[in-house]
Amino acid sequence: MGLRERKKQQTRQLIADTAWRLFADRGFDRVTVAEVAREAEVALATVFNYFPTKEDLFYSRLEAFGQRMVEAVASRPTGEPALVALRRFLLASGGLVAQVEAGDPEAVERLRTVNRVIADSPALQARERQVIARYANSLAELLAADLGVPPDDVEVRVAANAMIGVHATLLDFTRRRVLADDRLERLAGDLREAGRRAFALLERGLGDFAPKPRGG
């Protein structure tokens, strides 16, 4: 990576970190993009250059996670069903929950903060639903291409929404537990078990759906 790209990456990270600190302190709806720019000591136009909307400041990490999730399905081995690849990715994902399991107190506080900020903001909840819907659409397009069917094929759409629905359900499972402060030391294990149960349910109907084609 060249110097120019490193500086751009550093600026993007500075803006994102500043926004997260302000959102954590005051809540998402009480912070303006102008305040983020002022605290980060960058121009307002610079913030919008990296993050077109305020919601992008908060959900950039979730967007990146979704891209990796779809890529994990796209790169599955030949003959492997899409559901198997998605299950492997989601059940192996670490993040804050894994850090909480490892006993990191800062991760506990950040997990609480993230979920509190989302729970307190209808705008963020709406954006989360939009992001998840985009995941499902991207996965449907991928599966349609693998199967050689139109992207609006009803079976492809149902399958994609069902599979991404597991991710959405696990997000909700995590949020409910965190906001209730319910035995967070057991959250990671309980989340893995919930994921296994969810995927076992889908396997009875989708277990052999969309095997990866040769040369795909």
N, C-alpha and C. Protein backbone atom coordinates (compact mmCIF):
# COMPACT_ATOMS: atom_id res chain seq x y z
N MET A 1 0.85 -1.20 0.00
CA MET A 1 0.00 0.00 0.00
C MET A 1 0.88 1.25 0.00
N GLY A 2 0.60 2.17 -0.90
CA GLY A 2 1.37 3.39 -1.00
C GLY A 2 1.05 4.37 0.11
N LEU A 3 1.87 5.44 0.19
CA LEU A 3 1.69 6.45 1.23
C LEU A 3 0.32 7.12 1.12
N ARG A 4 -0.10 7.43 -0.08
CA ARG A 4 -1.39 8.09 -0.29
C ARG A 4 -2.54 7.23 0.23
N GLU A 5 -2.50 5.94 -0.08
CA GLU A 5 -3.56 5.05 0.36
C GLU A 5 -3.55 4.87 1.87
N ARG A 6 -2.35 4.80 2.46
CA ARG A 6 -2.25 4.68 3.91
C ARG A 6 -2.83 5.90 4.61
N LYS A 7 -2.55 7.08 4.07
CA LYS A 7 -3.09 8.30 4.66
C LYS A 7 -4.61 8.35 4.56
N LYS A 8 -5.13 7.90 3.43
CA LYS A 8 -6.58 7.85 3.27
C LYS A 8 -7.20 6.88 4.26
N GLN A 9 -6.57 5.73 4.42
CA GLN A 9 -7.07 4.74 5.36
C GLN A 9 -7.02 5.27 6.78
N GLN A 10 -5.94 5.97 7.14
CA GLN A 10 -5.81 6.54 8.47
C GLN A 10 -6.88 7.61 8.72
N THR A 11 -7.14 8.44 7.70
CA THR A 11 -8.17 9.47 7.84
C THR A 11 -9.54 8.84 8.02
N ARG A 12 -9.83 7.82 7.24
CA ARG A 12 -11.11 7.12 7.36
C ARG A 12 -11.28 6.52 8.74
N GLN A 13 -10.22 5.90 9.27
CA GLN A 13 -10.28 5.29 10.59
C GLN A 13 -10.44 6.34 11.67
N LEU A 14 -9.74 7.48 11.53
CA LEU A 14 -9.87 8.57 12.50
C LEU A 14 -11.31 9.07 12.56
N ILE A 15 -11.92 9.27 11.40
CA ILE A 15 -13.30 9.75 11.35
C ILE A 15 -14.24 8.74 12.00
N ALA A 16 -14.07 7.47 11.65
CA ALA A 16 -14.94 6.42 12.20
C ALA A 16 -14.79 6.31 13.71
N ASP A 17 -13.56 6.34 14.20
CA ASP A 17 -13.32 6.23 15.64
C ASP A 17 -13.89 7.43 16.39
N THR A 18 -13.75 8.62 15.80
CA THR A 18 -14.30 9.82 16.43
C THR A 18 -15.81 9.75 16.50
N ALA A 19 -16.43 9.31 15.41
CA ALA A 19 -17.89 9.19 15.38
C ALA A 19 -18.36 8.19 16.43
N TRP A 20 -17.71 7.04 16.52
CA TRP A 20 -18.11 6.03 17.50
C TRP A 20 -18.01 6.57 18.92
N ARG A 21 -16.96 7.35 19.21
CA ARG A 21 -16.81 7.90 20.55
C ARG A 21 -17.95 8.87 20.86
N LEU A 22 -18.29 9.71 19.91
CA LEU A 22 -19.37 10.67 20.13
C LEU A 22 -20.72 9.96 20.25
N PHE A 23 -20.97 8.96 19.40
CA PHE A 23 -22.22 8.22 19.47
C PHE A 23 -22.35 7.51 20.82
N ALA A 24 -21.25 6.95 21.30
CA ALA A 24 -21.27 6.25 22.58
C ALA A 24 -21.56 7.19 23.73
N ASP A 25 -21.01 8.39 23.65
CA ASP A 25 -21.18 9.37 24.73
C ASP A 25 -22.57 9.98 24.75
N ARG A 26 -23.12 10.27 23.56
CA ARG A 26 -24.34 11.08 23.50
C ARG A 26 -25.50 10.43 22.75
N GLY A 27 -25.27 9.30 22.13
CA GLY A 27 -26.33 8.67 21.34
C GLY A 27 -26.26 9.11 19.89
N PHE A 28 -26.68 8.24 19.01
CA PHE A 28 -26.55 8.49 17.58
C PHE A 28 -27.33 9.72 17.13
N ASP A 29 -28.56 9.84 17.58
CA ASP A 29 -29.44 10.91 17.07
C ASP A 29 -29.05 12.29 17.57
N ARG A 30 -28.23 12.38 18.60
CA ARG A 30 -27.85 13.67 19.17
C ARG A 30 -26.52 14.20 18.64
N VAL A 31 -25.91 13.46 17.75
CA VAL A 31 -24.62 13.87 17.18
C VAL A 31 -24.81 14.21 15.71
N THR A 32 -24.26 15.34 15.28
CA THR A 32 -24.33 15.73 13.87
C THR A 32 -23.03 15.37 13.16
N VAL A 33 -23.11 15.26 11.84
CA VAL A 33 -21.91 14.97 11.06
C VAL A 33 -20.92 16.13 11.19
N ALA A 34 -21.43 17.35 11.30
CA ALA A 34 -20.55 18.51 11.47
C ALA A 34 -19.74 18.40 12.75
N GLU A 35 -20.37 17.89 13.82
CA GLU A 35 -19.64 17.71 15.08
C GLU A 35 -18.55 16.65 14.93
N VAL A 36 -18.85 15.60 14.19
CA VAL A 36 -17.84 14.56 13.95
C VAL A 36 -16.65 15.16 13.22
N ALA A 37 -16.93 15.96 12.19
CA ALA A 37 -15.85 16.59 11.43
C ALA A 37 -15.02 17.52 12.31
N ARG A 38 -15.71 18.30 13.15
CA ARG A 38 -14.99 19.24 14.02
C ARG A 38 -14.10 18.49 15.02
N GLU A 39 -14.63 17.42 15.64
CA GLU A 39 -13.86 16.66 16.61
C GLU A 39 -12.68 15.93 15.96
N ALA A 40 -12.88 15.47 14.72
CA ALA A 40 -11.81 14.76 14.01
C ALA A 40 -10.83 15.72 13.35
N GLU A 41 -11.18 17.02 13.37
CA GLU A 41 -10.34 18.06 12.76
C GLU A 41 -10.14 17.83 11.26
N VAL A 42 -11.25 17.54 10.60
CA VAL A 42 -11.25 17.42 9.14
C VAL A 42 -12.42 18.24 8.61
N ALA A 43 -12.39 18.50 7.32
CA ALA A 43 -13.48 19.25 6.70
C ALA A 43 -14.74 18.40 6.64
N LEU A 44 -15.88 19.05 6.68
CA LEU A 44 -17.15 18.33 6.57
C LEU A 44 -17.21 17.54 5.26
N ALA A 45 -16.70 18.15 4.20
CA ALA A 45 -16.70 17.46 2.90
C ALA A 45 -15.86 16.19 2.94
N THR A 46 -14.81 16.20 3.76
CA THR A 46 -13.97 15.00 3.88
C THR A 46 -14.75 13.86 4.52
N VAL A 47 -15.54 14.16 5.54
CA VAL A 47 -16.35 13.13 6.17
C VAL A 47 -17.30 12.51 5.14
N PHE A 48 -17.99 13.37 4.39
CA PHE A 48 -18.96 12.86 3.41
C PHE A 48 -18.26 12.13 2.26
N ASN A 49 -17.02 12.45 2.02
CA ASN A 49 -16.27 11.75 0.98
C ASN A 49 -16.05 10.28 1.35
N TYR A 50 -15.84 10.04 2.65
CA TYR A 50 -15.63 8.67 3.13
C TYR A 50 -16.94 8.00 3.55
N PHE A 51 -17.86 8.78 4.08
CA PHE A 51 -19.11 8.24 4.62
C PHE A 51 -20.27 9.12 4.12
N PRO A 52 -20.95 8.70 3.06
CA PRO A 52 -21.99 9.54 2.45
C PRO A 52 -23.13 9.93 3.38
N THR A 53 -23.45 9.09 4.39
CA THR A 53 -24.52 9.42 5.33
C THR A 53 -24.02 9.20 6.76
N LYS A 54 -24.74 9.75 7.71
CA LYS A 54 -24.36 9.56 9.11
C LYS A 54 -24.46 8.09 9.50
N GLU A 55 -25.47 7.40 8.96
CA GLU A 55 -25.61 5.98 9.25
C GLU A 55 -24.39 5.18 8.77
N ASP A 56 -23.77 5.63 7.67
CA ASP A 56 -22.57 4.95 7.18
C ASP A 56 -21.44 5.02 8.21
N LEU A 57 -21.38 6.10 8.98
CA LEU A 57 -20.36 6.23 10.01
C LEU A 57 -20.48 5.13 11.05
N PHE A 58 -21.72 4.77 11.34
CA PHE A 58 -21.96 3.76 12.37
C PHE A 58 -21.86 2.35 11.82
N TYR A 59 -22.38 2.15 10.62
CA TYR A 59 -22.53 0.79 10.12
C TYR A 59 -21.47 0.36 9.12
N SER A 60 -20.37 1.10 9.01
CA SER A 60 -19.33 0.71 8.06
C SER A 60 -18.79 -0.68 8.37
N ARG A 61 -18.67 -1.01 9.67
CA ARG A 61 -18.16 -2.33 10.05
C ARG A 61 -19.16 -3.42 9.67
N LEU A 62 -20.45 -3.17 9.88
CA LEU A 62 -21.46 -4.16 9.53
C LEU A 62 -21.50 -4.39 8.02
N GLU A 63 -21.34 -3.31 7.26
CA GLU A 63 -21.31 -3.44 5.80
C GLU A 63 -20.14 -4.32 5.38
N ALA A 64 -18.98 -4.10 5.99
CA ALA A 64 -17.81 -4.89 5.64
C ALA A 64 -18.01 -6.36 6.02
N PHE A 65 -18.65 -6.61 7.16
CA PHE A 65 -18.92 -7.98 7.58
C PHE A 65 -19.82 -8.67 6.57
N GLY A 66 -20.83 -7.97 6.09
CA GLY A 66 -21.74 -8.56 5.11
C GLY A 66 -21.04 -8.90 3.81
N GLN A 67 -20.13 -8.05 3.39
CA GLN A 67 -19.37 -8.34 2.17
C GLN A 67 -18.53 -9.60 2.34
N ARG A 68 -17.90 -9.74 3.51
CA ARG A 68 -17.10 -10.93 3.76
C ARG A 68 -17.98 -12.18 3.82
N MET A 69 -19.18 -12.03 4.34
CA MET A 69 -20.09 -13.16 4.45
C MET A 69 -20.49 -13.67 3.06
N VAL A 70 -20.85 -12.76 2.16
CA VAL A 70 -21.23 -13.15 0.81
C VAL A 70 -20.02 -13.72 0.07
N GLU A 71 -18.85 -13.11 0.28
CA GLU A 71 -17.63 -13.62 -0.36
C GLU A 71 -17.29 -15.03 0.11
N ALA A 72 -17.60 -15.33 1.38
CA ALA A 72 -17.34 -16.68 1.90
C ALA A 72 -18.18 -17.71 1.16
N VAL A 73 -19.39 -17.35 0.80
CA VAL A 73 -20.25 -18.25 0.02
C VAL A 73 -19.74 -18.34 -1.41
N ALA A 74 -19.33 -17.22 -1.97
CA ALA A 74 -18.85 -17.20 -3.36
C ALA A 74 -17.60 -18.05 -3.53
N SER A 75 -16.76 -18.11 -2.52
CA SER A 75 -15.48 -18.82 -2.63
C SER A 75 -15.55 -20.25 -2.09
N ARG A 76 -16.74 -20.76 -1.83
CA ARG A 76 -16.86 -22.13 -1.32
C ARG A 76 -16.32 -23.14 -2.34
N PRO A 77 -15.88 -24.29 -1.86
CA PRO A 77 -15.34 -25.29 -2.79
C PRO A 77 -16.41 -25.83 -3.75
N THR A 78 -15.96 -26.32 -4.88
CA THR A 78 -16.86 -26.94 -5.86
C THR A 78 -17.66 -28.05 -5.20
N GLY A 79 -18.97 -28.03 -5.43
CA GLY A 79 -19.85 -29.06 -4.89
C GLY A 79 -20.39 -28.77 -3.51
N GLU A 80 -19.87 -27.75 -2.84
CA GLU A 80 -20.33 -27.45 -1.48
C GLU A 80 -21.59 -26.60 -1.53
N PRO A 81 -22.66 -27.00 -0.84
CA PRO A 81 -23.88 -26.20 -0.80
C PRO A 81 -23.64 -24.83 -0.15
N ALA A 82 -24.40 -23.85 -0.59
CA ALA A 82 -24.25 -22.50 -0.07
C ALA A 82 -24.48 -22.44 1.43
N LEU A 83 -25.43 -23.22 1.93
CA LEU A 83 -25.75 -23.18 3.35
C LEU A 83 -24.58 -23.62 4.20
N VAL A 84 -23.83 -24.60 3.73
CA VAL A 84 -22.67 -25.10 4.48
C VAL A 84 -21.61 -24.01 4.61
N ALA A 85 -21.39 -23.30 3.51
CA ALA A 85 -20.39 -22.23 3.53
C ALA A 85 -20.80 -21.09 4.45
N LEU A 86 -22.08 -20.74 4.40
CA LEU A 86 -22.56 -19.65 5.26
C LEU A 86 -22.49 -20.06 6.73
N ARG A 87 -22.87 -21.29 7.03
CA ARG A 87 -22.81 -21.77 8.41
C ARG A 87 -21.38 -21.73 8.93
N ARG A 88 -20.44 -22.18 8.13
CA ARG A 88 -19.04 -22.19 8.55
C ARG A 88 -18.57 -20.77 8.86
N PHE A 89 -18.94 -19.82 8.01
CA PHE A 89 -18.51 -18.44 8.21
C PHE A 89 -19.11 -17.86 9.49
N LEU A 90 -20.42 -17.99 9.66
CA LEU A 90 -21.08 -17.35 10.80
C LEU A 90 -20.68 -17.98 12.12
N LEU A 91 -20.56 -19.30 12.16
CA LEU A 91 -20.24 -19.95 13.43
C LEU A 91 -18.78 -19.76 13.81
N ALA A 92 -17.94 -19.42 12.83
CA ALA A 92 -16.52 -19.20 13.12
C ALA A 92 -16.20 -17.74 13.38
N SER A 93 -17.14 -16.84 13.12
CA SER A 93 -16.87 -15.42 13.26
C SER A 93 -16.57 -15.06 14.71
N GLY A 94 -15.61 -14.19 14.90
CA GLY A 94 -15.21 -13.79 16.25
C GLY A 94 -15.82 -12.46 16.64
N GLY A 95 -15.05 -11.39 16.49
CA GLY A 95 -15.53 -10.06 16.81
C GLY A 95 -15.63 -9.83 18.31
N LEU A 96 -16.49 -8.91 18.69
CA LEU A 96 -16.61 -8.51 20.08
C LEU A 96 -17.08 -9.65 20.97
N VAL A 97 -17.97 -10.49 20.46
CA VAL A 97 -18.49 -11.58 21.29
C VAL A 97 -17.36 -12.53 21.67
N ALA A 98 -16.47 -12.82 20.72
CA ALA A 98 -15.33 -13.68 21.02
C ALA A 98 -14.40 -13.02 22.03
N GLN A 99 -14.23 -11.70 21.93
CA GLN A 99 -13.38 -10.99 22.89
C GLN A 99 -14.00 -11.01 24.28
N VAL A 100 -15.33 -10.92 24.34
CA VAL A 100 -16.02 -11.03 25.64
C VAL A 100 -15.78 -12.42 26.23
N GLU A 101 -15.88 -13.45 25.39
CA GLU A 101 -15.65 -14.82 25.86
C GLU A 101 -14.23 -14.98 26.41
N ALA A 102 -13.29 -14.25 25.82
CA ALA A 102 -11.90 -14.33 26.26
C ALA A 102 -11.65 -13.53 27.54
N GLY A 103 -12.68 -12.82 28.02
CA GLY A 103 -12.55 -12.10 29.28
C GLY A 103 -12.08 -10.66 29.15
N ASP A 104 -12.24 -10.06 27.97
CA ASP A 104 -11.81 -8.68 27.74
C ASP A 104 -12.88 -7.72 28.27
N PRO A 105 -12.63 -6.98 29.35
CA PRO A 105 -13.64 -6.08 29.91
C PRO A 105 -13.99 -4.92 28.98
N GLU A 106 -13.01 -4.46 28.18
CA GLU A 106 -13.29 -3.38 27.25
C GLU A 106 -14.26 -3.84 26.17
N ALA A 107 -14.14 -5.10 25.76
CA ALA A 107 -15.06 -5.64 24.75
C ALA A 107 -16.48 -5.71 25.30
N VAL A 108 -16.60 -6.04 26.58
CA VAL A 108 -17.93 -6.09 27.21
C VAL A 108 -18.58 -4.72 27.14
N GLU A 109 -17.84 -3.69 27.52
CA GLU A 109 -18.40 -2.34 27.52
C GLU A 109 -18.73 -1.88 26.10
N ARG A 110 -17.87 -2.22 25.15
CA ARG A 110 -18.14 -1.79 23.78
C ARG A 110 -19.37 -2.51 23.23
N LEU A 111 -19.50 -3.79 23.54
CA LEU A 111 -20.67 -4.54 23.08
C LEU A 111 -21.95 -3.94 23.65
N ARG A 112 -21.90 -3.58 24.92
CA ARG A 112 -23.06 -2.94 25.54
C ARG A 112 -23.36 -1.60 24.88
N THR A 113 -22.32 -0.82 24.63
CA THR A 113 -22.50 0.50 24.06
C THR A 113 -23.10 0.42 22.65
N VAL A 114 -22.53 -0.44 21.82
CA VAL A 114 -23.01 -0.59 20.44
C VAL A 114 -24.49 -0.93 20.42
N ASN A 115 -24.87 -1.91 21.22
CA ASN A 115 -26.27 -2.35 21.19
C ASN A 115 -27.20 -1.35 21.84
N ARG A 116 -26.72 -0.62 22.85
CA ARG A 116 -27.56 0.43 23.44
C ARG A 116 -27.81 1.55 22.45
N VAL A 117 -26.76 1.97 21.72
CA VAL A 117 -26.91 3.05 20.75
C VAL A 117 -27.90 2.65 19.66
N ILE A 118 -27.82 1.41 19.18
CA ILE A 118 -28.76 0.95 18.15
C ILE A 118 -30.18 0.90 18.71
N ALA A 119 -30.33 0.35 19.91
CA ALA A 119 -31.66 0.22 20.50
C ALA A 119 -32.32 1.58 20.73
N ASP A 120 -31.52 2.61 20.94
CA ASP A 120 -32.05 3.94 21.21
C ASP A 120 -32.31 4.76 19.95
N SER A 121 -31.98 4.21 18.77
CA SER A 121 -32.09 5.00 17.54
C SER A 121 -32.94 4.29 16.48
N PRO A 122 -34.16 4.77 16.24
CA PRO A 122 -34.96 4.21 15.15
C PRO A 122 -34.27 4.32 13.80
N ALA A 123 -33.49 5.37 13.59
CA ALA A 123 -32.78 5.55 12.32
C ALA A 123 -31.76 4.43 12.10
N LEU A 124 -31.04 4.07 13.16
CA LEU A 124 -30.06 2.99 13.03
C LEU A 124 -30.75 1.64 12.85
N GLN A 125 -31.86 1.44 13.52
CA GLN A 125 -32.58 0.18 13.35
C GLN A 125 -33.09 0.03 11.91
N ALA A 126 -33.57 1.14 11.35
CA ALA A 126 -34.02 1.10 9.96
C ALA A 126 -32.87 0.82 9.02
N ARG A 127 -31.72 1.45 9.29
CA ARG A 127 -30.55 1.23 8.43
C ARG A 127 -30.08 -0.22 8.54
N GLU A 128 -30.12 -0.79 9.73
CA GLU A 128 -29.72 -2.18 9.89
C GLU A 128 -30.59 -3.10 9.04
N ARG A 129 -31.88 -2.84 9.02
CA ARG A 129 -32.77 -3.66 8.20
C ARG A 129 -32.43 -3.52 6.71
N GLN A 130 -32.09 -2.30 6.30
CA GLN A 130 -31.71 -2.08 4.90
C GLN A 130 -30.42 -2.83 4.56
N VAL A 131 -29.46 -2.79 5.47
CA VAL A 131 -28.18 -3.48 5.24
C VAL A 131 -28.41 -4.98 5.10
N ILE A 132 -29.22 -5.54 5.98
CA ILE A 132 -29.49 -6.98 5.94
C ILE A 132 -30.24 -7.34 4.66
N ALA A 133 -31.14 -6.48 4.23
CA ALA A 133 -31.85 -6.74 2.98
C ALA A 133 -30.88 -6.73 1.80
N ARG A 134 -29.87 -5.87 1.85
CA ARG A 134 -28.86 -5.85 0.78
C ARG A 134 -28.03 -7.13 0.79
N TYR A 135 -27.72 -7.63 1.99
CA TYR A 135 -27.02 -8.91 2.08
C TYR A 135 -27.81 -9.98 1.33
N ALA A 136 -29.11 -10.05 1.65
CA ALA A 136 -29.95 -11.08 1.04
C ALA A 136 -30.00 -10.93 -0.47
N ASN A 137 -30.07 -9.68 -0.94
CA ASN A 137 -30.12 -9.44 -2.38
C ASN A 137 -28.80 -9.87 -3.04
N SER A 138 -27.68 -9.54 -2.41
CA SER A 138 -26.38 -9.92 -2.97
C SER A 138 -26.22 -11.43 -3.00
N LEU A 139 -26.67 -12.09 -1.93
CA LEU A 139 -26.57 -13.55 -1.90
C LEU A 139 -27.48 -14.17 -2.95
N ALA A 140 -28.67 -13.63 -3.13
CA ALA A 140 -29.58 -14.16 -4.15
C ALA A 140 -28.99 -14.03 -5.54
N GLU A 141 -28.35 -12.90 -5.83
CA GLU A 141 -27.72 -12.71 -7.14
C GLU A 141 -26.58 -13.71 -7.34
N LEU A 142 -25.82 -13.96 -6.29
CA LEU A 142 -24.73 -14.92 -6.36
C LEU A 142 -25.26 -16.33 -6.64
N LEU A 143 -26.27 -16.74 -5.88
CA LEU A 143 -26.81 -18.08 -6.05
C LEU A 143 -27.48 -18.25 -7.41
N ALA A 144 -28.13 -17.19 -7.87
CA ALA A 144 -28.77 -17.26 -9.19
C ALA A 144 -27.73 -17.46 -10.28
N ALA A 145 -26.61 -16.77 -10.16
CA ALA A 145 -25.53 -16.93 -11.14
C ALA A 145 -24.96 -18.35 -11.09
N ASP A 146 -24.80 -18.89 -9.89
CA ASP A 146 -24.28 -20.26 -9.75
C ASP A 146 -25.22 -21.28 -10.37
N LEU A 147 -26.52 -21.04 -10.21
CA LEU A 147 -27.51 -22.00 -10.69
C LEU A 147 -27.94 -21.75 -12.12
N GLY A 148 -27.55 -20.60 -12.69
CA GLY A 148 -27.94 -20.28 -14.05
C GLY A 148 -29.41 -19.95 -14.20
N VAL A 149 -29.97 -19.29 -13.18
CA VAL A 149 -31.39 -18.90 -13.22
C VAL A 149 -31.48 -17.38 -13.06
N PRO A 150 -32.61 -16.78 -13.38
CA PRO A 150 -32.76 -15.32 -13.21
C PRO A 150 -32.62 -14.93 -11.74
N PRO A 151 -32.08 -13.75 -11.45
CA PRO A 151 -31.90 -13.31 -10.07
C PRO A 151 -33.20 -13.13 -9.29
N ASP A 152 -34.34 -13.06 -10.00
CA ASP A 152 -35.62 -12.94 -9.30
C ASP A 152 -36.32 -14.28 -9.16
N ASP A 153 -35.61 -15.38 -9.42
CA ASP A 153 -36.17 -16.72 -9.24
C ASP A 153 -36.66 -16.87 -7.81
N VAL A 154 -37.88 -17.36 -7.64
CA VAL A 154 -38.49 -17.38 -6.31
C VAL A 154 -37.74 -18.30 -5.36
N GLU A 155 -37.24 -19.44 -5.82
CA GLU A 155 -36.52 -20.34 -4.93
C GLU A 155 -35.21 -19.70 -4.45
N VAL A 156 -34.53 -19.04 -5.36
CA VAL A 156 -33.29 -18.36 -4.99
C VAL A 156 -33.56 -17.28 -3.96
N ARG A 157 -34.61 -16.49 -4.17
CA ARG A 157 -34.93 -15.41 -3.23
C ARG A 157 -35.31 -15.96 -1.86
N VAL A 158 -36.12 -17.01 -1.84
CA VAL A 158 -36.53 -17.60 -0.56
C VAL A 158 -35.31 -18.15 0.17
N ALA A 159 -34.46 -18.87 -0.57
CA ALA A 159 -33.27 -19.45 0.06
C ALA A 159 -32.35 -18.38 0.62
N ALA A 160 -32.09 -17.33 -0.16
CA ALA A 160 -31.19 -16.27 0.29
C ALA A 160 -31.74 -15.57 1.52
N ASN A 161 -33.02 -15.26 1.52
CA ASN A 161 -33.61 -14.58 2.68
C ASN A 161 -33.64 -15.48 3.91
N ALA A 162 -33.84 -16.77 3.71
CA ALA A 162 -33.83 -17.70 4.84
C ALA A 162 -32.43 -17.78 5.45
N MET A 163 -31.41 -17.87 4.59
CA MET A 163 -30.05 -17.99 5.09
C MET A 163 -29.59 -16.71 5.79
N ILE A 164 -29.85 -15.56 5.18
CA ILE A 164 -29.48 -14.29 5.82
C ILE A 164 -30.32 -14.06 7.06
N GLY A 165 -31.51 -14.65 7.07
CA GLY A 165 -32.36 -14.56 8.25
C GLY A 165 -31.72 -15.15 9.49
N VAL A 166 -30.87 -16.16 9.32
CA VAL A 166 -30.13 -16.70 10.46
C VAL A 166 -29.24 -15.62 11.06
N HIS A 167 -28.51 -14.90 10.19
CA HIS A 167 -27.64 -13.83 10.68
C HIS A 167 -28.46 -12.77 11.41
N ALA A 168 -29.58 -12.35 10.83
CA ALA A 168 -30.42 -11.34 11.47
C ALA A 168 -30.94 -11.82 12.82
N THR A 169 -31.32 -13.08 12.89
CA THR A 169 -31.83 -13.63 14.14
C THR A 169 -30.74 -13.69 15.21
N LEU A 170 -29.52 -14.03 14.81
CA LEU A 170 -28.43 -14.08 15.78
C LEU A 170 -28.05 -12.68 16.26
N LEU A 171 -28.17 -11.69 15.38
CA LEU A 171 -27.95 -10.30 15.81
C LEU A 171 -28.97 -9.92 16.89
N ASP A 172 -30.23 -10.27 16.64
CA ASP A 172 -31.29 -9.96 17.60
C ASP A 172 -31.09 -10.72 18.91
N PHE A 173 -30.68 -11.99 18.80
CA PHE A 173 -30.39 -12.81 19.99
C PHE A 173 -29.32 -12.13 20.84
N THR A 174 -28.26 -11.70 20.18
CA THR A 174 -27.17 -11.04 20.89
C THR A 174 -27.64 -9.75 21.56
N ARG A 175 -28.39 -8.94 20.81
CA ARG A 175 -28.82 -7.65 21.34
C ARG A 175 -29.72 -7.82 22.57
N ARG A 176 -30.63 -8.76 22.51
CA ARG A 176 -31.52 -8.98 23.65
C ARG A 176 -30.73 -9.39 24.90
N ARG A 177 -29.77 -10.26 24.70
CA ARG A 177 -28.96 -10.71 25.84
C ARG A 177 -28.11 -9.58 26.40
N VAL A 178 -27.51 -8.81 25.52
CA VAL A 178 -26.63 -7.73 25.96
C VAL A 178 -27.42 -6.66 26.71
N LEU A 179 -28.56 -6.26 26.15
CA LEU A 179 -29.35 -5.21 26.79
C LEU A 179 -29.92 -5.67 28.12
N ALA A 180 -30.18 -6.97 28.25
CA ALA A 180 -30.66 -7.52 29.52
C ALA A 180 -29.51 -7.81 30.48
N ASP A 181 -28.26 -7.68 29.97
CA ASP A 181 -27.07 -7.98 30.76
C ASP A 181 -27.14 -9.40 31.32
N ASP A 182 -27.58 -10.32 30.47
CA ASP A 182 -27.91 -11.67 30.88
C ASP A 182 -26.72 -12.62 30.68
N ARG A 183 -25.93 -12.83 31.71
CA ARG A 183 -24.84 -13.80 31.73
C ARG A 183 -23.98 -13.72 30.46
N LEU A 184 -23.37 -12.56 30.27
CA LEU A 184 -22.61 -12.32 29.05
C LEU A 184 -21.39 -13.22 28.93
N GLU A 185 -20.92 -13.77 30.05
CA GLU A 185 -19.79 -14.69 29.96
C GLU A 185 -20.16 -15.97 29.22
N ARG A 186 -21.45 -16.25 29.11
CA ARG A 186 -21.92 -17.43 28.39
C ARG A 186 -22.47 -17.10 27.01
N LEU A 187 -22.43 -15.82 26.64
CA LEU A 187 -23.07 -15.39 25.40
C LEU A 187 -22.49 -16.09 24.18
N ALA A 188 -21.16 -16.17 24.07
CA ALA A 188 -20.54 -16.75 22.88
C ALA A 188 -20.97 -18.20 22.69
N GLY A 189 -20.93 -18.98 23.76
CA GLY A 189 -21.33 -20.38 23.66
C GLY A 189 -22.79 -20.53 23.33
N ASP A 190 -23.64 -19.71 23.96
CA ASP A 190 -25.07 -19.78 23.68
C ASP A 190 -25.38 -19.33 22.25
N LEU A 191 -24.60 -18.36 21.77
CA LEU A 191 -24.81 -17.88 20.40
C LEU A 191 -24.43 -18.96 19.39
N ARG A 192 -23.34 -19.67 19.64
CA ARG A 192 -22.96 -20.77 18.75
C ARG A 192 -24.03 -21.87 18.75
N GLU A 193 -24.57 -22.18 19.92
CA GLU A 193 -25.60 -23.20 19.99
C GLU A 193 -26.86 -22.75 19.26
N ALA A 194 -27.23 -21.47 19.41
CA ALA A 194 -28.39 -20.95 18.69
C ALA A 194 -28.16 -21.02 17.19
N GLY A 195 -26.95 -20.70 16.76
CA GLY A 195 -26.63 -20.79 15.34
C GLY A 195 -26.71 -22.21 14.83
N ARG A 196 -26.20 -23.17 15.60
CA ARG A 196 -26.27 -24.57 15.18
C ARG A 196 -27.73 -25.03 15.04
N ARG A 197 -28.56 -24.62 15.99
CA ARG A 197 -29.98 -25.00 15.92
C ARG A 197 -30.66 -24.38 14.70
N ALA A 198 -30.34 -23.11 14.44
CA ALA A 198 -30.95 -22.42 13.30
C ALA A 198 -30.55 -23.08 11.98
N PHE A 199 -29.26 -23.38 11.84
CA PHE A 199 -28.81 -24.00 10.59
C PHE A 199 -29.32 -25.43 10.46
N ALA A 200 -29.46 -26.15 11.57
CA ALA A 200 -30.02 -27.50 11.51
C ALA A 200 -31.45 -27.46 10.99
N LEU A 201 -32.19 -26.43 11.39
CA LEU A 201 -33.55 -26.28 10.90
C LEU A 201 -33.57 -26.05 9.39
N LEU A 202 -32.70 -25.18 8.91
CA LEU A 202 -32.66 -24.89 7.48
C LEU A 202 -32.15 -26.09 6.67
N GLU A 203 -31.25 -26.86 7.24
CA GLU A 203 -30.69 -27.99 6.51
C GLU A 203 -31.75 -29.00 6.10
N ARG A 204 -32.80 -29.08 6.89
CA ARG A 204 -33.85 -30.04 6.55
C ARG A 204 -34.57 -29.64 5.27
N GLY A 205 -34.45 -28.36 4.89
CA GLY A 205 -35.08 -27.93 3.65
C GLY A 205 -34.11 -27.39 2.62
N LEU A 206 -32.94 -26.90 3.08
CA LEU A 206 -32.00 -26.24 2.17
C LEU A 206 -30.62 -26.90 2.15
N GLY A 207 -30.49 -28.05 2.80
CA GLY A 207 -29.18 -28.65 2.95
C GLY A 207 -28.46 -28.92 1.65
N ASP A 208 -29.19 -29.25 0.57
CA ASP A 208 -28.55 -29.56 -0.71
C ASP A 208 -28.78 -28.47 -1.75
N PHE A 209 -29.24 -27.30 -1.30
CA PHE A 209 -29.57 -26.25 -2.25
C PHE A 209 -28.31 -25.54 -2.75
N ALA A 210 -28.24 -25.29 -4.04
CA ALA A 210 -27.19 -24.50 -4.69
C ALA A 210 -25.78 -25.02 -4.43
N PRO A 211 -25.47 -26.28 -4.79
CA PRO A 211 -24.08 -26.72 -4.71
C PRO A 211 -23.23 -25.91 -5.68
N LYS A 212 -22.00 -25.64 -5.32
CA LYS A 212 -21.13 -24.83 -6.15
C LYS A 212 -20.85 -25.58 -7.47
N PRO A 213 -21.09 -24.92 -8.61
CA PRO A 213 -20.84 -25.60 -9.90
C PRO A 213 -19.35 -25.66 -10.21
N ARG A 214 -18.99 -26.60 -11.06
CA ARG A 214 -17.59 -26.69 -11.49
C ARG A 214 -17.22 -25.48 -12.32
N GLY A 215 -16.06 -24.93 -12.06
CA GLY A 215 -15.61 -23.77 -12.81
C GLY A 215 -16.28 -22.48 -12.39
N GLY A 216 -17.09 -22.52 -11.30
CA GLY A 216 -17.80 -21.32 -10.89
C GLY A 216 -16.97 -20.44 -9.99
